[in-house]
Amino acid sequence: MAGWYELRKRSDGQFDFVLKAANSQTILSSEGYSSKNAALAGIAAVRAACAVEERFERRESRTGEPYFVLKAENYRIIGTSEMYSSIASLENGIRSVQTNGPVEAVKDLTEG
C-alpha cells in the first residue's frame, strides 16, 4: 500500500496537509494556506519536488535534532519533517517522502 495526503482545515481557517506513509506515520507537514486550492497546489508542488534530491535541505534544530525541509522550484519551503533522533533516521525519512510523495491519493478532511 502506498501513502497518501491528508488535506485539513485548521481551527484558524487556514488549510494544510500532511503526507502519510503506508504505515500511517506523518512524514511531511505543510505550512498553512489561505485557501483549499492553494493547499492543493502545495500538494502538487511536493509531488514535483520530491523527485529532486537537491530540494531536500537537511537542518538541525536549536536542540541538535536533525530534520529536513522540502523546497519547491522557487526555493520556498513546502514541507517540514518531524525531528529525528539520528541522521540515519532523517535519511530514511527523506527516502520515504521520495517514495510516497508522488502518490495521487488525497483524503479531503475539510468537509463534514
PDB file of N, CA and C in Angstrom:
ATOM      1  N   MET A   1       0.839  -1.191   0.000  1.00  0.00           N
ATOM      2  CA  MET A   1       0.000   0.000   0.000  1.00  0.00           C
ATOM      3  C   MET A   1       0.876   1.243   0.000  1.00  0.00           C
ATOM      4  N   ALA A   2       0.468   2.234  -0.725  1.00  0.00           N
ATOM      5  CA  ALA A   2       1.197   3.488  -0.817  1.00  0.00           C
ATOM      6  C   ALA A   2       0.693   4.474   0.235  1.00  0.00           C
ATOM      7  N   GLY A   3       1.403   5.556   0.359  1.00  0.00           N
ATOM      8  CA  GLY A   3       0.990   6.602   1.278  1.00  0.00           C
ATOM      9  C   GLY A   3      -0.128   7.451   0.691  1.00  0.00           C
ATOM     10  N   TRP A   4      -0.429   8.561   1.366  1.00  0.00           N
ATOM     11  CA  TRP A   4      -1.478   9.463   0.922  1.00  0.00           C
ATOM     12  C   TRP A   4      -1.287  10.827   1.574  1.00  0.00           C
ATOM     13  N   TYR A   5      -1.985  11.791   1.033  1.00  0.00           N
ATOM     14  CA  TYR A   5      -2.034  13.126   1.612  1.00  0.00           C
ATOM     15  C   TYR A   5      -3.342  13.274   2.383  1.00  0.00           C
ATOM     16  N   GLU A   6      -3.288  14.009   3.471  1.00  0.00           N
ATOM     17  CA  GLU A   6      -4.495  14.396   4.191  1.00  0.00           C
ATOM     18  C   GLU A   6      -4.592  15.910   4.131  1.00  0.00           C
ATOM     19  N   LEU A   7      -5.667  16.386   3.555  1.00  0.00           N
ATOM     20  CA  LEU A   7      -5.942  17.816   3.439  1.00  0.00           C
ATOM     21  C   LEU A   7      -6.867  18.193   4.578  1.00  0.00           C
ATOM     22  N   ARG A   8      -6.475  19.217   5.353  1.00  0.00           N
ATOM     23  CA  ARG A   8      -7.232  19.568   6.555  1.00  0.00           C
ATOM     24  C   ARG A   8      -7.531  21.068   6.601  1.00  0.00           C
ATOM     25  N   LYS A   9      -8.570  21.409   7.350  1.00  0.00           N
ATOM     26  CA  LYS A   9      -8.868  22.807   7.640  1.00  0.00           C
ATOM     27  C   LYS A   9      -8.608  23.024   9.125  1.00  0.00           C
ATOM     28  N   ARG A  10      -7.756  23.981   9.434  1.00  0.00           N
ATOM     29  CA  ARG A  10      -7.374  24.243  10.813  1.00  0.00           C
ATOM     30  C   ARG A  10      -8.404  25.131  11.506  1.00  0.00           C
ATOM     31  N   SER A  11      -8.315  25.194  12.806  1.00  0.00           N
ATOM     32  CA  SER A  11      -9.267  25.995  13.589  1.00  0.00           C
ATOM     33  C   SER A  11      -9.161  27.483  13.284  1.00  0.00           C
ATOM     34  N   ASP A  12      -8.005  27.927  12.753  1.00  0.00           N
ATOM     35  CA  ASP A  12      -7.840  29.341  12.400  1.00  0.00           C
ATOM     36  C   ASP A  12      -8.328  29.653  10.986  1.00  0.00           C
ATOM     37  N   GLY A  13      -8.941  28.662  10.311  1.00  0.00           N
ATOM     38  CA  GLY A  13      -9.475  28.860   8.971  1.00  0.00           C
ATOM     39  C   GLY A  13      -8.491  28.573   7.854  1.00  0.00           C
ATOM     40  N   GLN A  14      -7.231  28.358   8.187  1.00  0.00           N
ATOM     41  CA  GLN A  14      -6.218  28.026   7.193  1.00  0.00           C
ATOM     42  C   GLN A  14      -6.348  26.551   6.806  1.00  0.00           C
ATOM     43  N   PHE A  15      -5.787  26.204   5.667  1.00  0.00           N
ATOM     44  CA  PHE A  15      -5.752  24.828   5.196  1.00  0.00           C
ATOM     45  C   PHE A  15      -4.304  24.348   5.254  1.00  0.00           C
ATOM     46  N   ASP A  16      -4.116  23.078   5.518  1.00  0.00           N
ATOM     47  CA  ASP A  16      -2.784  22.498   5.458  1.00  0.00           C
ATOM     48  C   ASP A  16      -2.909  21.049   5.029  1.00  0.00           C
ATOM     49  N   PHE A  17      -1.777  20.403   4.860  1.00  0.00           N
ATOM     50  CA  PHE A  17      -1.785  18.986   4.508  1.00  0.00           C
ATOM     51  C   PHE A  17      -0.602  18.298   5.164  1.00  0.00           C
ATOM     52  N   VAL A  18      -0.744  17.006   5.299  1.00  0.00           N
ATOM     53  CA  VAL A  18       0.356  16.153   5.726  1.00  0.00           C
ATOM     54  C   VAL A  18       0.474  15.025   4.714  1.00  0.00           C
ATOM     55  N   LEU A  19       1.691  14.530   4.569  1.00  0.00           N
ATOM     56  CA  LEU A  19       1.944  13.348   3.755  1.00  0.00           C
ATOM     57  C   LEU A  19       2.146  12.190   4.719  1.00  0.00           C
ATOM     58  N   LYS A  20       1.361  11.145   4.521  1.00  0.00           N
ATOM     59  CA  LYS A  20       1.422   9.961   5.375  1.00  0.00           C
ATOM     60  C   LYS A  20       2.081   8.822   4.608  1.00  0.00           C
ATOM     61  N   ALA A  21       2.904   8.054   5.310  1.00  0.00           N
ATOM     62  CA  ALA A  21       3.472   6.834   4.745  1.00  0.00           C
ATOM     63  C   ALA A  21       2.433   5.726   4.832  1.00  0.00           C
ATOM     64  N   ALA A  22       2.711   4.601   4.202  1.00  0.00           N
ATOM     65  CA  ALA A  22       1.775   3.477   4.197  1.00  0.00           C
ATOM     66  C   ALA A  22       1.446   2.997   5.607  1.00  0.00           C
ATOM     67  N   ASN A  23       2.356   3.218   6.567  1.00  0.00           N
ATOM     68  CA  ASN A  23       2.116   2.797   7.957  1.00  0.00           C
ATOM     69  C   ASN A  23       1.369   3.861   8.762  1.00  0.00           C
ATOM     70  N   SER A  24       0.841   4.862   8.101  1.00  0.00           N
ATOM     71  CA  SER A  24       0.059   5.968   8.680  1.00  0.00           C
ATOM     72  C   SER A  24       0.894   7.008   9.422  1.00  0.00           C
ATOM     73  N   GLN A  25       2.201   6.883   9.386  1.00  0.00           N
ATOM     74  CA  GLN A  25       3.067   7.862  10.047  1.00  0.00           C
ATOM     75  C   GLN A  25       3.165   9.125   9.189  1.00  0.00           C
ATOM     76  N   THR A  26       3.038  10.287   9.829  1.00  0.00           N
ATOM     77  CA  THR A  26       3.223  11.554   9.119  1.00  0.00           C
ATOM     78  C   THR A  26       4.696  11.728   8.805  1.00  0.00           C
ATOM     79  N   ILE A  27       5.004  11.959   7.524  1.00  0.00           N
ATOM     80  CA  ILE A  27       6.403  12.105   7.124  1.00  0.00           C
ATOM     81  C   ILE A  27       6.722  13.512   6.608  1.00  0.00           C
ATOM     82  N   LEU A  28       5.702  14.330   6.372  1.00  0.00           N
ATOM     83  CA  LEU A  28       5.920  15.704   5.924  1.00  0.00           C
ATOM     84  C   LEU A  28       4.678  16.518   6.268  1.00  0.00           C
ATOM     85  N   SER A  29       4.884  17.723   6.785  1.00  0.00           N
ATOM     86  CA  SER A  29       3.780  18.618   7.148  1.00  0.00           C
ATOM     87  C   SER A  29       3.952  19.940   6.431  1.00  0.00           C
ATOM     88  N   SER A  30       2.846  20.502   5.987  1.00  0.00           N
ATOM     89  CA  SER A  30       2.894  21.771   5.259  1.00  0.00           C
ATOM     90  C   SER A  30       2.708  22.952   6.189  1.00  0.00           C
ATOM     91  N   GLU A  31       2.898  24.117   5.618  1.00  0.00           N
ATOM     92  CA  GLU A  31       2.534  25.358   6.287  1.00  0.00           C
ATOM     93  C   GLU A  31       1.035  25.560   6.114  1.00  0.00           C
ATOM     94  N   GLY A  32       0.507  26.647   6.662  1.00  0.00           N
ATOM     95  CA  GLY A  32      -0.889  26.978   6.462  1.00  0.00           C
ATOM     96  C   GLY A  32      -1.092  27.723   5.152  1.00  0.00           C
ATOM     97  N   TYR A  33      -2.193  27.453   4.507  1.00  0.00           N
ATOM     98  CA  TYR A  33      -2.564  28.115   3.253  1.00  0.00           C
ATOM     99  C   TYR A  33      -3.903  28.817   3.452  1.00  0.00           C
ATOM    100  N   SER A  34      -4.094  29.913   2.745  1.00  0.00           N
ATOM    101  CA  SER A  34      -5.312  30.699   2.909  1.00  0.00           C
ATOM    102  C   SER A  34      -6.529  30.080   2.231  1.00  0.00           C
ATOM    103  N   SER A  35      -6.313  29.158   1.295  1.00  0.00           N
ATOM    104  CA  SER A  35      -7.439  28.536   0.600  1.00  0.00           C
ATOM    105  C   SER A  35      -7.161  27.056   0.353  1.00  0.00           C
ATOM    106  N   LYS A  36      -8.221  26.334   0.115  1.00  0.00           N
ATOM    107  CA  LYS A  36      -8.109  24.915  -0.198  1.00  0.00           C
ATOM    108  C   LYS A  36      -7.330  24.712  -1.496  1.00  0.00           C
ATOM    109  N   ASN A  37      -7.614  25.544  -2.495  1.00  0.00           N
ATOM    110  CA  ASN A  37      -6.906  25.420  -3.773  1.00  0.00           C
ATOM    111  C   ASN A  37      -5.410  25.669  -3.622  1.00  0.00           C
ATOM    112  N   ALA A  38      -5.039  26.600  -2.754  1.00  0.00           N
ATOM    113  CA  ALA A  38      -3.615  26.863  -2.522  1.00  0.00           C
ATOM    114  C   ALA A  38      -2.958  25.648  -1.862  1.00  0.00           C
ATOM    115  N   ALA A  39      -3.665  25.006  -0.931  1.00  0.00           N
ATOM    116  CA  ALA A  39      -3.126  23.801  -0.295  1.00  0.00           C
ATOM    117  C   ALA A  39      -2.991  22.663  -1.312  1.00  0.00           C
ATOM    118  N   LEU A  40      -3.961  22.535  -2.202  1.00  0.00           N
ATOM    119  CA  LEU A  40      -3.858  21.523  -3.259  1.00  0.00           C
ATOM    120  C   LEU A  40      -2.681  21.810  -4.186  1.00  0.00           C
ATOM    121  N   ALA A  41      -2.414  23.081  -4.448  1.00  0.00           N
ATOM    122  CA  ALA A  41      -1.244  23.452  -5.243  1.00  0.00           C
ATOM    123  C   ALA A  41       0.039  23.085  -4.487  1.00  0.00           C
ATOM    124  N   GLY A  42       0.020  23.217  -3.162  1.00  0.00           N
ATOM    125  CA  GLY A  42       1.159  22.798  -2.347  1.00  0.00           C
ATOM    126  C   GLY A  42       1.417  21.306  -2.469  1.00  0.00           C
ATOM    127  N   ILE A  43       0.349  20.512  -2.478  1.00  0.00           N
ATOM    128  CA  ILE A  43       0.498  19.068  -2.667  1.00  0.00           C
ATOM    129  C   ILE A  43       1.127  18.787  -4.031  1.00  0.00           C
ATOM    130  N   ALA A  44       0.672  19.475  -5.062  1.00  0.00           N
ATOM    131  CA  ALA A  44       1.246  19.303  -6.402  1.00  0.00           C
ATOM    132  C   ALA A  44       2.728  19.668  -6.406  1.00  0.00           C
ATOM    133  N   ALA A  45       3.085  20.692  -5.653  1.00  0.00           N
ATOM    134  CA  ALA A  45       4.492  21.102  -5.574  1.00  0.00           C
ATOM    135  C   ALA A  45       5.333  20.028  -4.884  1.00  0.00           C
ATOM    136  N   VAL A  46       4.783  19.381  -3.855  1.00  0.00           N
ATOM    137  CA  VAL A  46       5.504  18.282  -3.199  1.00  0.00           C
ATOM    138  C   VAL A  46       5.707  17.146  -4.185  1.00  0.00           C
ATOM    139  N   ARG A  47       4.662  16.804  -4.927  1.00  0.00           N
ATOM    140  CA  ARG A  47       4.790  15.717  -5.915  1.00  0.00           C
ATOM    141  C   ARG A  47       5.930  15.987  -6.890  1.00  0.00           C
ATOM    142  N   ALA A  48       6.063  17.227  -7.326  1.00  0.00           N
ATOM    143  CA  ALA A  48       7.113  17.576  -8.280  1.00  0.00           C
ATOM    144  C   ALA A  48       8.488  17.631  -7.615  1.00  0.00           C
ATOM    145  N   ALA A  49       8.563  18.187  -6.428  1.00  0.00           N
ATOM    146  CA  ALA A  49       9.860  18.422  -5.789  1.00  0.00           C
ATOM    147  C   ALA A  49      10.476  17.177  -5.176  1.00  0.00           C
ATOM    148  N   CYS A  50       9.658  16.225  -4.761  1.00  0.00           N
ATOM    149  CA  CYS A  50      10.198  15.086  -4.023  1.00  0.00           C
ATOM    150  C   CYS A  50      11.121  14.202  -4.856  1.00  0.00           C
ATOM    151  N   ALA A  51      11.078  14.337  -6.158  1.00  0.00           N
ATOM    152  CA  ALA A  51      11.952  13.550  -7.030  1.00  0.00           C
ATOM    153  C   ALA A  51      13.323  14.184  -7.214  1.00  0.00           C
ATOM    154  N   VAL A  52      13.503  15.395  -6.695  1.00  0.00           N
ATOM    155  CA  VAL A  52      14.748  16.136  -6.911  1.00  0.00           C
ATOM    156  C   VAL A  52      15.512  16.193  -5.590  1.00  0.00           C
ATOM    157  N   GLU A  53      16.597  15.456  -5.510  1.00  0.00           N
ATOM    158  CA  GLU A  53      17.385  15.357  -4.275  1.00  0.00           C
ATOM    159  C   GLU A  53      17.786  16.725  -3.727  1.00  0.00           C
ATOM    160  N   GLU A  54      18.135  17.644  -4.603  1.00  0.00           N
ATOM    161  CA  GLU A  54      18.603  18.967  -4.172  1.00  0.00           C
ATOM    162  C   GLU A  54      17.516  19.795  -3.493  1.00  0.00           C
ATOM    163  N   ARG A  55      16.269  19.392  -3.601  1.00  0.00           N
ATOM    164  CA  ARG A  55      15.170  20.130  -2.967  1.00  0.00           C
ATOM    165  C   ARG A  55      15.035  19.806  -1.487  1.00  0.00           C
ATOM    166  N   PHE A  56      15.734  18.764  -1.023  1.00  0.00           N
ATOM    167  CA  PHE A  56      15.718  18.403   0.393  1.00  0.00           C
ATOM    168  C   PHE A  56      16.876  19.110   1.086  1.00  0.00           C
ATOM    169  N   GLU A  57      16.529  19.913   2.077  1.00  0.00           N
ATOM    170  CA  GLU A  57      17.552  20.624   2.834  1.00  0.00           C
ATOM    171  C   GLU A  57      17.600  20.039   4.240  1.00  0.00           C
ATOM    172  N   ARG A  58      18.756  19.503   4.579  1.00  0.00           N
ATOM    173  CA  ARG A  58      18.947  18.912   5.903  1.00  0.00           C
ATOM    174  C   ARG A  58      19.306  20.021   6.888  1.00  0.00           C
ATOM    175  N   ARG A  59      18.648  19.997   8.030  1.00  0.00           N
ATOM    176  CA  ARG A  59      18.843  21.041   9.038  1.00  0.00           C
ATOM    177  C   ARG A  59      18.994  20.411  10.419  1.00  0.00           C
ATOM    178  N   GLU A  60      19.318  21.273  11.373  1.00  0.00           N
ATOM    179  CA  GLU A  60      19.413  20.851  12.762  1.00  0.00           C
ATOM    180  C   GLU A  60      18.692  21.874  13.628  1.00  0.00           C
ATOM    181  N   SER A  61      17.856  21.385  14.544  1.00  0.00           N
ATOM    182  CA  SER A  61      17.130  22.283  15.435  1.00  0.00           C
ATOM    183  C   SER A  61      18.085  22.902  16.454  1.00  0.00           C
ATOM    184  N   ARG A  62      17.593  23.883  17.183  1.00  0.00           N
ATOM    185  CA  ARG A  62      18.412  24.514  18.225  1.00  0.00           C
ATOM    186  C   ARG A  62      18.838  23.523  19.295  1.00  0.00           C
ATOM    187  N   THR A  63      18.075  22.448  19.433  1.00  0.00           N
ATOM    188  CA  THR A  63      18.419  21.436  20.433  1.00  0.00           C
ATOM    189  C   THR A  63      19.241  20.288  19.850  1.00  0.00           C
ATOM    190  N   GLY A  64      19.673  20.447  18.593  1.00  0.00           N
ATOM    191  CA  GLY A  64      20.552  19.464  17.975  1.00  0.00           C
ATOM    192  C   GLY A  64      19.873  18.310  17.274  1.00  0.00           C
ATOM    193  N   GLU A  65      18.551  18.369  17.132  1.00  0.00           N
ATOM    194  CA  GLU A  65      17.844  17.282  16.467  1.00  0.00           C
ATOM    195  C   GLU A  65      17.828  17.514  14.953  1.00  0.00           C
ATOM    196  N   PRO A  66      18.171  16.494  14.178  1.00  0.00           N
ATOM    197  CA  PRO A  66      18.124  16.651  12.725  1.00  0.00           C
ATOM    198  C   PRO A  66      16.687  16.619  12.202  1.00  0.00           C
ATOM    199  N   TYR A  67      16.454  17.400  11.151  1.00  0.00           N
ATOM    200  CA  TYR A  67      15.185  17.387  10.430  1.00  0.00           C
ATOM    201  C   TYR A  67      15.467  17.884   9.031  1.00  0.00           C
ATOM    202  N   PHE A  68      14.460  17.835   8.161  1.00  0.00           N
ATOM    203  CA  PHE A  68      14.644  18.350   6.812  1.00  0.00           C
ATOM    204  C   PHE A  68      13.439  19.153   6.383  1.00  0.00           C
ATOM    205  N   VAL A  69      13.679  19.997   5.394  1.00  0.00           N
ATOM    206  CA  VAL A  69      12.601  20.718   4.731  1.00  0.00           C
ATOM    207  C   VAL A  69      12.662  20.362   3.250  1.00  0.00           C
ATOM    208  N   LEU A  70      11.520  20.430   2.603  1.00  0.00           N
ATOM    209  CA  LEU A  70      11.427  20.214   1.159  1.00  0.00           C
ATOM    210  C   LEU A  70      11.065  21.544   0.532  1.00  0.00           C
ATOM    211  N   LYS A  71      11.831  21.928  -0.479  1.00  0.00           N
ATOM    212  CA  LYS A  71      11.617  23.222  -1.126  1.00  0.00           C
ATOM    213  C   LYS A  71      11.058  23.048  -2.533  1.00  0.00           C
ATOM    214  N   ALA A  72      10.208  23.977  -2.906  1.00  0.00           N
ATOM    215  CA  ALA A  72       9.627  23.992  -4.251  1.00  0.00           C
ATOM    216  C   ALA A  72      10.650  24.534  -5.244  1.00  0.00           C
ATOM    217  N   GLU A  73      10.251  24.575  -6.493  1.00  0.00           N
ATOM    218  CA  GLU A  73      11.123  25.084  -7.553  1.00  0.00           C
ATOM    219  C   GLU A  73      11.564  26.518  -7.280  1.00  0.00           C
ATOM    220  N   ASN A  74      10.709  27.296  -6.612  1.00  0.00           N
ATOM    221  CA  ASN A  74      11.048  28.685  -6.289  1.00  0.00           C
ATOM    222  C   ASN A  74      11.820  28.796  -4.971  1.00  0.00           C
ATOM    223  N   TYR A  75      12.212  27.646  -4.411  1.00  0.00           N
ATOM    224  CA  TYR A  75      13.007  27.540  -3.175  1.00  0.00           C
ATOM    225  C   TYR A  75      12.246  27.893  -1.907  1.00  0.00           C
ATOM    226  N   ARG A  76      10.933  28.031  -1.990  1.00  0.00           N
ATOM    227  CA  ARG A  76      10.123  28.232  -0.784  1.00  0.00           C
ATOM    228  C   ARG A  76       9.868  26.872  -0.145  1.00  0.00           C
ATOM    229  N   ILE A  77       9.818  26.852   1.166  1.00  0.00           N
ATOM    230  CA  ILE A  77       9.577  25.604   1.887  1.00  0.00           C
ATOM    231  C   ILE A  77       8.123  25.191   1.697  1.00  0.00           C
ATOM    232  N   ILE A  78       7.928  23.941   1.278  1.00  0.00           N
ATOM    233  CA  ILE A  78       6.577  23.415   1.089  1.00  0.00           C
ATOM    234  C   ILE A  78       6.264  22.295   2.067  1.00  0.00           C
ATOM    235  N   GLY A  79       7.269  21.840   2.792  1.00  0.00           N
ATOM    236  CA  GLY A  79       7.034  20.790   3.778  1.00  0.00           C
ATOM    237  C   GLY A  79       8.185  20.676   4.743  1.00  0.00           C
ATOM    238  N   THR A  80       7.858  20.280   5.960  1.00  0.00           N
ATOM    239  CA  THR A  80       8.852  20.110   7.017  1.00  0.00           C
ATOM    240  C   THR A  80       8.651  18.747   7.655  1.00  0.00           C
ATOM    241  N   SER A  81       9.758  18.089   7.948  1.00  0.00           N
ATOM    242  CA  SER A  81       9.693  16.770   8.584  1.00  0.00           C
ATOM    243  C   SER A  81       9.538  16.913  10.090  1.00  0.00           C
ATOM    244  N   GLU A  82       9.415  15.775  10.735  1.00  0.00           N
ATOM    245  CA  GLU A  82       9.479  15.730  12.181  1.00  0.00           C
ATOM    246  C   GLU A  82      10.940  15.872  12.602  1.00  0.00           C
ATOM    247  N   MET A  83      11.177  15.959  13.893  1.00  0.00           N
ATOM    248  CA  MET A  83      12.538  15.931  14.414  1.00  0.00           C
ATOM    249  C   MET A  83      12.950  14.467  14.537  1.00  0.00           C
ATOM    250  N   TYR A  84      14.177  14.178  14.150  1.00  0.00           N
ATOM    251  CA  TYR A  84      14.673  12.807  14.189  1.00  0.00           C
ATOM    252  C   TYR A  84      15.729  12.656  15.277  1.00  0.00           C
ATOM    253  N   SER A  85      15.954  11.412  15.678  1.00  0.00           N
ATOM    254  CA  SER A  85      16.949  11.130  16.715  1.00  0.00           C
ATOM    255  C   SER A  85      18.338  10.888  16.137  1.00  0.00           C
ATOM    256  N   SER A  86      18.420  10.701  14.815  1.00  0.00           N
ATOM    257  CA  SER A  86      19.718  10.431  14.188  1.00  0.00           C
ATOM    258  C   SER A  86      19.691  10.848  12.724  1.00  0.00           C
ATOM    259  N   ILE A  87      20.866  11.000  12.165  1.00  0.00           N
ATOM    260  CA  ILE A  87      20.997  11.313  10.733  1.00  0.00           C
ATOM    261  C   ILE A  87      20.459  10.150   9.901  1.00  0.00           C
ATOM    262  N   ALA A  88      20.708   8.924  10.340  1.00  0.00           N
ATOM    263  CA  ALA A  88      20.206   7.753   9.603  1.00  0.00           C
ATOM    264  C   ALA A  88      18.678   7.785   9.526  1.00  0.00           C
ATOM    265  N   SER A  89      18.025   8.145  10.620  1.00  0.00           N
ATOM    266  CA  SER A  89      16.558   8.239  10.617  1.00  0.00           C
ATOM    267  C   SER A  89      16.097   9.351   9.696  1.00  0.00           C
ATOM    268  N   LEU A  90      16.800  10.471   9.690  1.00  0.00           N
ATOM    269  CA  LEU A  90      16.479  11.580   8.784  1.00  0.00           C
ATOM    270  C   LEU A  90      16.559  11.107   7.333  1.00  0.00           C
ATOM    271  N   GLU A  91      17.618  10.410   6.986  1.00  0.00           N
ATOM    272  CA  GLU A  91      17.778   9.920   5.611  1.00  0.00           C
ATOM    273  C   GLU A  91      16.665   8.938   5.246  1.00  0.00           C
ATOM    274  N   ASN A  92      16.241   8.110   6.199  1.00  0.00           N
ATOM    275  CA  ASN A  92      15.099   7.217   5.955  1.00  0.00           C
ATOM    276  C   ASN A  92      13.832   8.024   5.710  1.00  0.00           C
ATOM    277  N   GLY A  93      13.659   9.120   6.445  1.00  0.00           N
ATOM    278  CA  GLY A  93      12.510   9.997   6.248  1.00  0.00           C
ATOM    279  C   GLY A  93      12.496  10.605   4.855  1.00  0.00           C
ATOM    280  N   ILE A  94      13.641  11.045   4.391  1.00  0.00           N
ATOM    281  CA  ILE A  94      13.737  11.599   3.036  1.00  0.00           C
ATOM    282  C   ILE A  94      13.375  10.537   2.009  1.00  0.00           C
ATOM    283  N   ARG A  95      13.902   9.335   2.175  1.00  0.00           N
ATOM    284  CA  ARG A  95      13.578   8.244   1.231  1.00  0.00           C
ATOM    285  C   ARG A  95      12.074   7.951   1.241  1.00  0.00           C
ATOM    286  N   SER A  96      11.460   8.042   2.408  1.00  0.00           N
ATOM    287  CA  SER A  96      10.021   7.801   2.496  1.00  0.00           C
ATOM    288  C   SER A  96       9.234   8.876   1.756  1.00  0.00           C
ATOM    289  N   VAL A  97       9.655  10.124   1.865  1.00  0.00           N
ATOM    290  CA  VAL A  97       8.993  11.203   1.114  1.00  0.00           C
ATOM    291  C   VAL A  97       9.205  10.991  -0.384  1.00  0.00           C
ATOM    292  N   GLN A  98      10.407  10.588  -0.782  1.00  0.00           N
ATOM    293  CA  GLN A  98      10.661  10.333  -2.198  1.00  0.00           C
ATOM    294  C   GLN A  98       9.794   9.198  -2.725  1.00  0.00           C
ATOM    295  N   THR A  99       9.533   8.200  -1.900  1.00  0.00           N
ATOM    296  CA  THR A  99       8.707   7.057  -2.296  1.00  0.00           C
ATOM    297  C   THR A  99       7.222   7.408  -2.305  1.00  0.00           C
ATOM    298  N   ASN A 100       6.758   8.068  -1.245  1.00  0.00           N
ATOM    299  CA  ASN A 100       5.332   8.322  -1.073  1.00  0.00           C
ATOM    300  C   ASN A 100       4.855   9.647  -1.662  1.00  0.00           C
ATOM    301  N   GLY A 101       5.747  10.589  -1.865  1.00  0.00           N
ATOM    302  CA  GLY A 101       5.362  11.914  -2.351  1.00  0.00           C
ATOM    303  C   GLY A 101       4.621  11.940  -3.671  1.00  0.00           C
ATOM    304  N   PRO A 102       4.966  11.089  -4.633  1.00  0.00           N
ATOM    305  CA  PRO A 102       4.274  11.135  -5.924  1.00  0.00           C
ATOM    306  C   PRO A 102       2.840  10.606  -5.924  1.00  0.00           C
ATOM    307  N   VAL A 103       2.367  10.034  -4.832  1.00  0.00           N
ATOM    308  CA  VAL A 103       1.033   9.422  -4.820  1.00  0.00           C
ATOM    309  C   VAL A 103      -0.047  10.443  -5.169  1.00  0.00           C
ATOM    310  N   GLU A 104      -1.101   9.939  -5.759  1.00  0.00           N
ATOM    311  CA  GLU A 104      -2.230  10.786  -6.139  1.00  0.00           C
ATOM    312  C   GLU A 104      -3.303  10.864  -5.060  1.00  0.00           C
ATOM    313  N   ALA A 105      -3.298   9.908  -4.135  1.00  0.00           N
ATOM    314  CA  ALA A 105      -4.373   9.815  -3.144  1.00  0.00           C
ATOM    315  C   ALA A 105      -4.368  11.010  -2.193  1.00  0.00           C
ATOM    316  N   VAL A 106      -5.523  11.683  -2.108  1.00  0.00           N
ATOM    317  CA  VAL A 106      -5.717  12.791  -1.172  1.00  0.00           C
ATOM    318  C   VAL A 106      -7.004  12.521  -0.410  1.00  0.00           C
ATOM    319  N   LYS A 107      -6.877  12.426   0.911  1.00  0.00           N
ATOM    320  CA  LYS A 107      -8.055  12.301   1.766  1.00  0.00           C
ATOM    321  C   LYS A 107      -8.444  13.707   2.196  1.00  0.00           C
ATOM    322  N   ASP A 108      -9.572  14.163   1.706  1.00  0.00           N
ATOM    323  CA  ASP A 108     -10.031  15.515   1.993  1.00  0.00           C
ATOM    324  C   ASP A 108     -10.814  15.501   3.306  1.00  0.00           C
ATOM    325  N   LEU A 109     -10.191  16.002   4.359  1.00  0.00           N
ATOM    326  CA  LEU A 109     -10.815  16.036   5.680  1.00  0.00           C
ATOM    327  C   LEU A 109     -11.420  17.406   5.983  1.00  0.00           C
ATOM    328  N   THR A 110     -11.556  18.245   4.963  1.00  0.00           N
ATOM    329  CA  THR A 110     -12.042  19.616   5.177  1.00  0.00           C
ATOM    330  C   THR A 110     -13.557  19.693   5.230  1.00  0.00           C
ATOM    331  N   GLU A 111     -14.225  18.641   4.815  1.00  0.00           N
ATOM    332  CA  GLU A 111     -15.683  18.681   4.779  1.00  0.00           C
ATOM    333  C   GLU A 111     -16.255  17.644   5.711  1.00  0.00           C
ATOM    334  N   GLY A 112     -17.382  17.963   6.282  1.00  0.00           N
ATOM    335  CA  GLY A 112     -18.067  17.011   7.123  1.00  0.00           C
ATOM    336  C   GLY A 112     -17.789  17.175   8.523  1.00  0.00           C
TER     337      GLY A 112
END
